[in-house]
Amino acid sequence: MNITIPANKNRFPIVFAISFLLLISGSYYLLVHAEYIIYAIGFLIFLLYCCVISLIDYIRMIYQKKATFKISETGVNDSLSIFSVGEILWDDVSGIEISQALRTKFLIIHLHDNEKYLKGRHFLIRYMLKEFIKKWDSPVAISEKRIAYDLVQLKEI
C-alpha cells in the first residue's frame, strides 16, 4: 500500500496575508506616532518573522513537488510544510485522532516519543514543533486545508 496525497495548492496564504497587513499598518502607525517606537519594534520584528516564514512555507508548498503526505507499509512521510517532521514509522505512532480548532479540522498523529522527532532540527523549527506538542500533544498536526483529501477518509486508511 503506497498512497501519496498532494498538498492543496489552491489554499489562500491567510497567515501571510494577515501578518503582512498588520506589518504594514503597524509600520504606518509608527511613522505617524514615532514616540512609541520603543514599544512596537519587537512586535514589528515578530510580524516580519511571521510574514517571511509563512511566505517561504507557501512558496515551498506551491513549487515543490515533494510537498506531499505519503502513507506506506512502513509508516507515513509528512513533507507538507517547513515544520513537518518527515518520515514516521508505524512503530512510533501511538494513536491518530481528528481534532478541531476554529472551524478547521486537524489530523493529529500521536507519537510514543515526541523528542525523537525534535532532535537535530533548527532551533526555530524545534520551537514551532514544541508549540504543536503543547497544543496538540504531538508535533504532527495536519490541517484539512493543507492537503487535498478528506481527513475522515485519511484516518480510516
N, C-alpha and C. Protein backbone atom coordinates (compact mmCIF):
# COMPACT_ATOMS: atom_id res chain seq x y z
N MET A 1 0.84 -1.17 0.00
CA MET A 1 0.00 0.00 0.00
C MET A 1 0.90 1.25 0.00
N ASN A 2 0.85 2.01 -1.03
CA ASN A 2 1.53 3.30 -1.12
C ASN A 2 0.54 4.34 -1.60
N ILE A 3 0.23 5.29 -0.73
CA ILE A 3 -0.71 6.35 -1.07
C ILE A 3 0.01 7.68 -0.93
N THR A 4 -0.06 8.49 -1.97
CA THR A 4 0.55 9.81 -1.95
C THR A 4 -0.55 10.85 -2.06
N ILE A 5 -0.62 11.73 -1.07
CA ILE A 5 -1.63 12.78 -1.04
C ILE A 5 -0.91 14.11 -1.25
N PRO A 6 -1.25 14.81 -2.34
CA PRO A 6 -0.55 16.08 -2.61
C PRO A 6 -1.04 17.21 -1.70
N ALA A 7 -0.23 18.23 -1.60
CA ALA A 7 -0.63 19.43 -0.86
C ALA A 7 -1.72 20.16 -1.64
N ASN A 8 -2.57 20.85 -0.91
CA ASN A 8 -3.63 21.64 -1.52
C ASN A 8 -3.03 22.95 -2.03
N LYS A 9 -2.77 23.00 -3.30
CA LYS A 9 -2.10 24.17 -3.89
C LYS A 9 -3.06 25.34 -4.14
N ASN A 10 -4.35 25.13 -3.88
CA ASN A 10 -5.35 26.18 -4.10
C ASN A 10 -5.65 26.99 -2.84
N ARG A 11 -5.02 26.67 -1.73
CA ARG A 11 -5.36 27.37 -0.48
C ARG A 11 -4.77 28.77 -0.47
N PHE A 12 -5.47 29.65 0.21
CA PHE A 12 -5.04 31.05 0.32
C PHE A 12 -4.05 31.17 1.48
N PRO A 13 -2.94 31.89 1.31
CA PRO A 13 -1.95 32.04 2.39
C PRO A 13 -2.42 33.04 3.45
N ILE A 14 -3.36 32.62 4.28
CA ILE A 14 -4.00 33.51 5.23
C ILE A 14 -3.03 34.06 6.28
N VAL A 15 -2.10 33.24 6.77
CA VAL A 15 -1.15 33.71 7.78
C VAL A 15 -0.26 34.80 7.19
N PHE A 16 0.18 34.60 5.96
CA PHE A 16 0.99 35.62 5.30
C PHE A 16 0.19 36.91 5.11
N ALA A 17 -1.03 36.79 4.64
CA ALA A 17 -1.85 37.97 4.38
C ALA A 17 -2.10 38.77 5.65
N ILE A 18 -2.46 38.10 6.73
CA ILE A 18 -2.75 38.80 7.99
C ILE A 18 -1.49 39.44 8.54
N SER A 19 -0.39 38.68 8.59
CA SER A 19 0.84 39.25 9.14
C SER A 19 1.36 40.40 8.28
N PHE A 20 1.21 40.30 6.97
CA PHE A 20 1.64 41.38 6.08
C PHE A 20 0.81 42.64 6.30
N LEU A 21 -0.51 42.48 6.40
CA LEU A 21 -1.36 43.64 6.64
C LEU A 21 -1.08 44.28 8.00
N LEU A 22 -0.87 43.47 9.03
CA LEU A 22 -0.53 44.01 10.34
C LEU A 22 0.83 44.70 10.32
N LEU A 23 1.77 44.13 9.58
CA LEU A 23 3.10 44.74 9.47
C LEU A 23 3.01 46.11 8.79
N ILE A 24 2.26 46.20 7.72
CA ILE A 24 2.09 47.46 7.00
C ILE A 24 1.37 48.48 7.89
N SER A 25 0.28 48.08 8.52
CA SER A 25 -0.46 49.03 9.35
C SER A 25 0.35 49.44 10.57
N GLY A 26 1.11 48.51 11.16
CA GLY A 26 1.97 48.85 12.30
C GLY A 26 3.09 49.78 11.91
N SER A 27 3.66 49.58 10.73
CA SER A 27 4.72 50.46 10.24
C SER A 27 4.16 51.87 9.99
N TYR A 28 2.98 51.94 9.42
CA TYR A 28 2.36 53.24 9.20
C TYR A 28 2.08 53.94 10.52
N TYR A 29 1.60 53.19 11.50
CA TYR A 29 1.32 53.76 12.82
C TYR A 29 2.60 54.34 13.42
N LEU A 30 3.71 53.64 13.25
CA LEU A 30 4.98 54.14 13.78
C LEU A 30 5.46 55.40 13.05
N LEU A 31 5.15 55.50 11.78
CA LEU A 31 5.50 56.72 11.05
C LEU A 31 4.73 57.93 11.59
N VAL A 32 3.49 57.69 11.94
CA VAL A 32 2.65 58.77 12.46
C VAL A 32 2.96 59.07 13.93
N HIS A 33 3.20 58.02 14.72
CA HIS A 33 3.45 58.16 16.16
C HIS A 33 4.84 57.62 16.49
N ALA A 34 5.86 58.33 16.10
CA ALA A 34 7.24 57.87 16.28
C ALA A 34 7.65 57.73 17.74
N GLU A 35 6.95 58.37 18.65
CA GLU A 35 7.31 58.30 20.07
C GLU A 35 7.07 56.91 20.67
N TYR A 36 6.32 56.05 20.00
CA TYR A 36 6.04 54.71 20.51
C TYR A 36 6.93 53.63 19.90
N ILE A 37 7.98 54.04 19.23
CA ILE A 37 8.83 53.08 18.51
C ILE A 37 9.46 52.04 19.45
N ILE A 38 9.81 52.44 20.66
CA ILE A 38 10.43 51.52 21.62
C ILE A 38 9.48 50.36 21.94
N TYR A 39 8.19 50.67 22.06
CA TYR A 39 7.21 49.66 22.45
C TYR A 39 6.83 48.74 21.29
N ALA A 40 6.88 49.24 20.08
CA ALA A 40 6.34 48.50 18.95
C ALA A 40 7.39 47.77 18.11
N ILE A 41 8.66 48.06 18.31
CA ILE A 41 9.68 47.47 17.44
C ILE A 41 9.73 45.95 17.57
N GLY A 42 9.59 45.43 18.79
CA GLY A 42 9.59 43.97 18.98
C GLY A 42 8.41 43.30 18.29
N PHE A 43 7.25 43.94 18.39
CA PHE A 43 6.06 43.39 17.74
C PHE A 43 6.21 43.40 16.22
N LEU A 44 6.80 44.46 15.68
CA LEU A 44 7.01 44.53 14.23
C LEU A 44 8.03 43.50 13.76
N ILE A 45 9.04 43.24 14.57
CA ILE A 45 10.01 42.19 14.22
C ILE A 45 9.32 40.83 14.22
N PHE A 46 8.46 40.59 15.19
CA PHE A 46 7.70 39.33 15.23
C PHE A 46 6.81 39.20 14.00
N LEU A 47 6.13 40.28 13.61
CA LEU A 47 5.27 40.25 12.42
C LEU A 47 6.09 40.01 11.16
N LEU A 48 7.26 40.62 11.08
CA LEU A 48 8.14 40.40 9.94
C LEU A 48 8.56 38.93 9.88
N TYR A 49 8.91 38.36 11.03
CA TYR A 49 9.26 36.94 11.10
C TYR A 49 8.10 36.07 10.60
N CYS A 50 6.89 36.32 11.09
CA CYS A 50 5.72 35.55 10.66
C CYS A 50 5.49 35.69 9.16
N CYS A 51 5.66 36.89 8.67
CA CYS A 51 5.47 37.17 7.25
C CYS A 51 6.45 36.36 6.40
N VAL A 52 7.72 36.42 6.76
CA VAL A 52 8.76 35.73 5.98
C VAL A 52 8.58 34.21 6.05
N ILE A 53 8.38 33.68 7.24
CA ILE A 53 8.23 32.22 7.40
C ILE A 53 7.00 31.71 6.65
N SER A 54 5.88 32.41 6.76
CA SER A 54 4.67 31.94 6.08
C SER A 54 4.81 32.06 4.56
N LEU A 55 5.51 33.08 4.08
CA LEU A 55 5.73 33.22 2.64
C LEU A 55 6.65 32.11 2.13
N ILE A 56 7.72 31.81 2.86
CA ILE A 56 8.61 30.71 2.48
C ILE A 56 7.86 29.39 2.44
N ASP A 57 7.03 29.14 3.46
CA ASP A 57 6.26 27.90 3.52
C ASP A 57 5.27 27.81 2.35
N TYR A 58 4.62 28.91 2.04
CA TYR A 58 3.65 28.92 0.94
C TYR A 58 4.33 28.69 -0.41
N ILE A 59 5.43 29.38 -0.65
CA ILE A 59 6.15 29.22 -1.92
C ILE A 59 6.69 27.80 -2.05
N ARG A 60 7.20 27.25 -0.96
CA ARG A 60 7.70 25.88 -0.97
C ARG A 60 6.57 24.90 -1.32
N MET A 61 5.40 25.10 -0.72
CA MET A 61 4.28 24.21 -0.97
C MET A 61 3.79 24.31 -2.42
N ILE A 62 3.80 25.49 -2.98
CA ILE A 62 3.30 25.68 -4.34
C ILE A 62 4.26 25.09 -5.38
N TYR A 63 5.56 25.30 -5.22
CA TYR A 63 6.51 24.96 -6.27
C TYR A 63 7.27 23.65 -6.06
N GLN A 64 7.18 23.06 -4.89
CA GLN A 64 7.93 21.83 -4.66
C GLN A 64 7.01 20.62 -4.81
N LYS A 65 7.40 19.73 -5.71
CA LYS A 65 6.57 18.56 -5.98
C LYS A 65 6.55 17.57 -4.82
N LYS A 66 7.57 17.59 -3.97
CA LYS A 66 7.59 16.63 -2.88
C LYS A 66 6.85 17.13 -1.63
N ALA A 67 6.08 18.20 -1.76
CA ALA A 67 5.22 18.66 -0.66
C ALA A 67 3.99 17.77 -0.64
N THR A 68 4.16 16.59 -0.05
CA THR A 68 3.11 15.57 -0.04
C THR A 68 3.00 14.92 1.33
N PHE A 69 1.96 14.12 1.48
CA PHE A 69 1.78 13.27 2.65
C PHE A 69 1.66 11.85 2.11
N LYS A 70 2.63 11.00 2.47
CA LYS A 70 2.66 9.64 1.94
C LYS A 70 2.39 8.63 3.04
N ILE A 71 1.60 7.62 2.68
CA ILE A 71 1.30 6.51 3.58
C ILE A 71 1.83 5.24 2.93
N SER A 72 2.61 4.47 3.69
CA SER A 72 3.16 3.22 3.17
C SER A 72 3.06 2.14 4.24
N GLU A 73 3.57 0.95 3.92
CA GLU A 73 3.56 -0.15 4.88
C GLU A 73 4.45 0.13 6.08
N THR A 74 5.51 0.92 5.89
CA THR A 74 6.46 1.18 6.97
C THR A 74 6.06 2.35 7.85
N GLY A 75 5.26 3.29 7.32
CA GLY A 75 4.85 4.45 8.10
C GLY A 75 4.30 5.55 7.22
N VAL A 76 4.39 6.77 7.71
CA VAL A 76 3.93 7.93 6.96
C VAL A 76 5.10 8.90 6.78
N ASN A 77 5.04 9.67 5.71
CA ASN A 77 6.05 10.67 5.46
C ASN A 77 5.34 12.00 5.25
N ASP A 78 5.50 12.89 6.22
CA ASP A 78 4.87 14.20 6.18
C ASP A 78 5.91 15.22 5.71
N SER A 79 5.76 15.70 4.49
CA SER A 79 6.66 16.74 3.97
C SER A 79 5.83 17.88 3.39
N LEU A 80 4.73 18.21 4.07
CA LEU A 80 3.81 19.23 3.58
C LEU A 80 4.28 20.65 3.84
N SER A 81 5.06 20.86 4.89
CA SER A 81 5.48 22.23 5.21
C SER A 81 6.91 22.24 5.74
N ILE A 82 7.42 23.43 6.02
CA ILE A 82 8.76 23.52 6.57
C ILE A 82 8.79 23.05 8.02
N PHE A 83 7.63 22.88 8.64
CA PHE A 83 7.55 22.40 10.02
C PHE A 83 7.18 20.92 10.11
N SER A 84 7.22 20.22 9.00
CA SER A 84 6.90 18.79 9.01
C SER A 84 8.03 17.99 9.61
N VAL A 85 7.69 16.84 10.20
CA VAL A 85 8.71 16.02 10.85
C VAL A 85 9.34 15.00 9.93
N GLY A 86 8.76 14.77 8.77
CA GLY A 86 9.33 13.82 7.82
C GLY A 86 8.81 12.41 8.02
N GLU A 87 9.70 11.44 7.91
CA GLU A 87 9.34 10.02 7.99
C GLU A 87 9.00 9.62 9.42
N ILE A 88 7.81 9.00 9.59
CA ILE A 88 7.37 8.50 10.88
C ILE A 88 7.05 7.01 10.72
N LEU A 89 7.73 6.18 11.46
CA LEU A 89 7.48 4.74 11.40
C LEU A 89 6.21 4.39 12.17
N TRP A 90 5.50 3.35 11.71
CA TRP A 90 4.27 2.94 12.39
C TRP A 90 4.55 2.51 13.83
N ASP A 91 5.76 2.00 14.10
CA ASP A 91 6.10 1.60 15.47
C ASP A 91 6.14 2.79 16.43
N ASP A 92 6.39 3.99 15.89
CA ASP A 92 6.46 5.20 16.73
C ASP A 92 5.09 5.85 16.95
N VAL A 93 4.07 5.41 16.20
CA VAL A 93 2.74 6.02 16.29
C VAL A 93 1.96 5.37 17.43
N SER A 94 1.44 6.21 18.34
CA SER A 94 0.64 5.68 19.46
C SER A 94 -0.85 5.87 19.23
N GLY A 95 -1.23 6.72 18.31
CA GLY A 95 -2.65 6.92 18.02
C GLY A 95 -2.86 8.01 16.99
N ILE A 96 -4.05 8.02 16.42
CA ILE A 96 -4.42 9.01 15.41
C ILE A 96 -5.81 9.52 15.77
N GLU A 97 -5.96 10.84 15.74
CA GLU A 97 -7.28 11.43 16.03
C GLU A 97 -7.50 12.65 15.15
N ILE A 98 -8.76 13.06 15.07
CA ILE A 98 -9.12 14.28 14.37
C ILE A 98 -9.62 15.26 15.42
N SER A 99 -8.98 16.43 15.47
CA SER A 99 -9.38 17.50 16.39
C SER A 99 -9.81 18.70 15.57
N GLN A 100 -10.49 19.61 16.24
CA GLN A 100 -10.97 20.80 15.54
C GLN A 100 -10.61 22.04 16.34
N ALA A 101 -10.18 23.08 15.62
CA ALA A 101 -9.88 24.38 16.22
C ALA A 101 -10.30 25.45 15.23
N LEU A 102 -11.13 26.38 15.69
CA LEU A 102 -11.59 27.48 14.84
C LEU A 102 -12.16 27.01 13.50
N ARG A 103 -13.05 26.07 13.55
CA ARG A 103 -13.75 25.53 12.38
C ARG A 103 -12.82 24.86 11.36
N THR A 104 -11.64 24.47 11.78
CA THR A 104 -10.71 23.74 10.92
C THR A 104 -10.36 22.42 11.58
N LYS A 105 -10.47 21.35 10.82
CA LYS A 105 -10.13 20.03 11.35
C LYS A 105 -8.64 19.77 11.16
N PHE A 106 -8.06 19.04 12.12
CA PHE A 106 -6.66 18.67 12.08
C PHE A 106 -6.54 17.17 12.31
N LEU A 107 -5.70 16.52 11.51
CA LEU A 107 -5.35 15.13 11.74
C LEU A 107 -4.13 15.14 12.65
N ILE A 108 -4.27 14.59 13.84
CA ILE A 108 -3.19 14.56 14.82
C ILE A 108 -2.65 13.14 14.88
N ILE A 109 -1.36 12.99 14.65
CA ILE A 109 -0.70 11.69 14.76
C ILE A 109 0.13 11.72 16.04
N HIS A 110 -0.35 11.00 17.05
CA HIS A 110 0.35 10.95 18.34
C HIS A 110 1.51 9.96 18.26
N LEU A 111 2.62 10.34 18.89
CA LEU A 111 3.83 9.53 18.85
C LEU A 111 4.20 9.08 20.26
N HIS A 112 4.90 7.94 20.33
CA HIS A 112 5.38 7.45 21.62
C HIS A 112 6.45 8.38 22.20
N ASP A 113 7.35 8.87 21.34
CA ASP A 113 8.45 9.71 21.78
C ASP A 113 8.54 10.94 20.89
N ASN A 114 7.92 12.05 21.34
CA ASN A 114 7.94 13.29 20.55
C ASN A 114 9.34 13.85 20.40
N GLU A 115 10.16 13.71 21.43
CA GLU A 115 11.51 14.28 21.41
C GLU A 115 12.39 13.68 20.32
N LYS A 116 12.11 12.44 19.94
CA LYS A 116 12.88 11.77 18.89
C LYS A 116 12.81 12.56 17.58
N TYR A 117 11.67 13.18 17.34
CA TYR A 117 11.48 13.90 16.08
C TYR A 117 11.86 15.38 16.18
N LEU A 118 12.30 15.81 17.36
CA LEU A 118 12.78 17.18 17.53
C LEU A 118 14.30 17.28 17.43
N LYS A 119 14.97 16.17 17.64
CA LYS A 119 16.43 16.16 17.63
C LYS A 119 16.97 16.54 16.26
N GLY A 120 18.04 17.35 16.26
CA GLY A 120 18.72 17.71 15.03
C GLY A 120 18.02 18.74 14.17
N ARG A 121 16.94 19.32 14.67
CA ARG A 121 16.21 20.34 13.91
C ARG A 121 16.77 21.73 14.22
N HIS A 122 16.58 22.64 13.30
CA HIS A 122 16.92 24.03 13.52
C HIS A 122 16.11 24.53 14.71
N PHE A 123 16.66 25.44 15.52
CA PHE A 123 16.00 25.84 16.75
C PHE A 123 14.65 26.51 16.51
N LEU A 124 14.47 27.21 15.39
CA LEU A 124 13.17 27.82 15.10
C LEU A 124 12.11 26.76 14.77
N ILE A 125 12.52 25.76 14.00
CA ILE A 125 11.60 24.67 13.68
C ILE A 125 11.30 23.86 14.93
N ARG A 126 12.31 23.59 15.74
CA ARG A 126 12.11 22.88 17.01
C ARG A 126 11.16 23.66 17.92
N TYR A 127 11.28 24.98 17.95
CA TYR A 127 10.39 25.81 18.75
C TYR A 127 8.94 25.64 18.28
N MET A 128 8.71 25.71 16.96
CA MET A 128 7.35 25.56 16.44
C MET A 128 6.79 24.16 16.72
N LEU A 129 7.64 23.13 16.57
CA LEU A 129 7.17 21.78 16.85
C LEU A 129 6.83 21.61 18.33
N LYS A 130 7.58 22.26 19.21
CA LYS A 130 7.25 22.22 20.64
C LYS A 130 5.92 22.92 20.91
N GLU A 131 5.63 23.97 20.16
CA GLU A 131 4.33 24.63 20.29
C GLU A 131 3.21 23.70 19.83
N PHE A 132 3.45 22.92 18.75
CA PHE A 132 2.48 21.92 18.33
C PHE A 132 2.25 20.91 19.44
N ILE A 133 3.32 20.48 20.10
CA ILE A 133 3.21 19.50 21.18
C ILE A 133 2.38 20.07 22.33
N LYS A 134 2.59 21.34 22.66
CA LYS A 134 1.80 21.97 23.72
C LYS A 134 0.32 22.00 23.37
N LYS A 135 0.03 22.32 22.12
CA LYS A 135 -1.37 22.46 21.71
C LYS A 135 -2.04 21.12 21.41
N TRP A 136 -1.34 20.25 20.68
CA TRP A 136 -1.95 19.01 20.19
C TRP A 136 -1.42 17.75 20.86
N ASP A 137 -0.41 17.87 21.70
CA ASP A 137 0.26 16.73 22.32
C ASP A 137 0.98 15.87 21.28
N SER A 138 1.36 16.52 20.18
CA SER A 138 2.08 15.84 19.10
C SER A 138 2.72 16.89 18.18
N PRO A 139 3.90 16.58 17.61
CA PRO A 139 4.48 17.52 16.64
C PRO A 139 3.86 17.39 15.25
N VAL A 140 2.96 16.43 15.08
CA VAL A 140 2.36 16.18 13.77
C VAL A 140 0.88 16.57 13.80
N ALA A 141 0.56 17.72 13.23
CA ALA A 141 -0.82 18.20 13.13
C ALA A 141 -1.03 18.67 11.70
N ILE A 142 -1.87 17.98 10.97
CA ILE A 142 -2.08 18.27 9.54
C ILE A 142 -3.46 18.87 9.36
N SER A 143 -3.50 20.09 8.87
CA SER A 143 -4.75 20.81 8.66
C SER A 143 -5.48 20.26 7.44
N GLU A 144 -6.81 20.26 7.51
CA GLU A 144 -7.60 19.83 6.37
C GLU A 144 -7.41 20.76 5.18
N LYS A 145 -6.99 21.98 5.43
CA LYS A 145 -6.79 22.94 4.35
C LYS A 145 -5.43 22.76 3.68
N ARG A 146 -4.53 22.03 4.32
CA ARG A 146 -3.18 21.84 3.79
C ARG A 146 -3.11 20.72 2.76
N ILE A 147 -4.02 19.75 2.84
CA ILE A 147 -4.00 18.63 1.88
C ILE A 147 -5.28 18.59 1.07
N ALA A 148 -5.20 17.97 -0.08
CA ALA A 148 -6.35 17.84 -0.98
C ALA A 148 -6.98 16.47 -0.76
N TYR A 149 -7.48 16.24 0.46
CA TYR A 149 -8.05 14.94 0.82
C TYR A 149 -8.93 15.13 2.05
N ASP A 150 -9.94 14.28 2.19
CA ASP A 150 -10.82 14.34 3.35
C ASP A 150 -10.14 13.67 4.55
N LEU A 151 -10.06 14.37 5.69
CA LEU A 151 -9.35 13.85 6.86
C LEU A 151 -10.01 12.61 7.45
N VAL A 152 -11.32 12.53 7.40
CA VAL A 152 -12.01 11.35 7.95
C VAL A 152 -11.64 10.11 7.13
N GLN A 153 -11.62 10.23 5.81
CA GLN A 153 -11.21 9.11 4.97
C GLN A 153 -9.74 8.78 5.20
N LEU A 154 -8.93 9.80 5.39
CA LEU A 154 -7.50 9.59 5.62
C LEU A 154 -7.26 8.84 6.93
N LYS A 155 -8.02 9.16 7.97
CA LYS A 155 -7.87 8.47 9.25
C LYS A 155 -8.22 7.00 9.12
N GLU A 156 -9.20 6.69 8.29
CA GLU A 156 -9.63 5.30 8.10
C GLU A 156 -8.58 4.45 7.40
N ILE A 157 -7.73 5.09 6.61
CA ILE A 157 -6.68 4.36 5.89
C ILE A 157 -5.68 3.87 6.89
